[in-house]
């Protein structure tokens, strides 16, 4: 396949590039402005992950003007669709001529964009997807570890399945349960990674004394979870977990209550990150629990604005009129890391040089330290993965019907304060 990178390399020696007409044209210098492409799921079932986009982009434009940096951001909507994500990534590279790609929010968005960037030789920084679905999911043969290879242009930071296993079991250990766990794993990159019998969450749960009941994969946007509910009831599962898109958890949870299935804990990733998704459940949202990757209580500050996590959350509410949400911190940090790399790069429009600059990042951000130095990750992923801290939280319904997310376990990150302890569902 003739990629943009190969075409540029093959013509660089002669100083010629092909114009739109196919005729040879003299090569011209890069424009001074650095062009950044940004892809996120602004519409569709994953749109909650992009809720902080407008707020962050407004901040970033203000900061770039203040610092006198010529940076242009071109934004594309993946529409929560992996095929669309790949298409818009190609458009940003070929049609818009970006120099750096930023992408966030679940493997359905990060993976296709990163794959295109790796093929085209464009540096990409990604976040908000567990590192195993990101790294392993893009390998030619995910089931053959001996074949896994590092990427040249893709750099990712977030937590991993080992972290969520620790956080979830730490929360469950605070309750008196029979340690039977029902797993909701969809047929997508996240669900297949979490549900993998060898490399997913079940072995980690087992090591902590919990048995996982996995009734098999289901399709996203399902309207009937009776099979899963019946399997969990038959096994007397007192805990439910999984990695579920928000509308699917709403369907599952309402049907579970209707059918009389009442576990003691429901600790679900992805779906329970957003206050509006929990508020939609009314009283049935009280004491639902999930992983917490960022909150106003995190003890970090922005390298771009100097704001604390609490300041940033308050700023989002002032800007939007809505309560804070976890993606605020990570989207902000994505532009922190990009700005730091642009400032350090000798030529931020040179893809190879920019990739080397990103690889050398060591930055304290609003979500913690970002450095691709291999800390806490296996050697095969050390070149491309940086881990960020994770704690556990529980949604508490207030008298006015709103919900607060209370951090109830911080054993994996003691510097992030707790605000309470785990409570059983009623």
Foldseek 3Di string as FASTA:
>chain_A
DDAQQNQCVVCVVVQWHQDPVRDTDHHDDDDQEAEEEEEEACADLQNVLCPCVVVLVVVLVVLCVVVVHRYHYDYDHCVLALVSLLVVLSCCCPVVVHQEYEYEDECSNQQSNVLNCLVNLHAYEYEHYAVCLRQLVNFPDSVDVVRGAETQRAAYEEHHQLQQLVQVLVQCVLDDDPQEEEEAAAPDSQSCQQPPPPRHNQVSSVVSPHHYDYPDHDHAPDQDPPSSLVSCVVVVHQEYEYEHRQVVVLNVLVVNVVVVNFHFAYEYHHNPQDQVSLLVNFPSSAFHKYKAQAAQQQQAAAPRPRHASVRQQVSSCVVPVDGGTRSSFVVNVSSSLVVQLCVPFPDSSDSNSSSVSSQQDFDGHNRGTDHLQQPPHDPNCSSHYHYTDMHMWTWHADPVSTTDTFTAGQPRPPSRDGDHHRGTDD
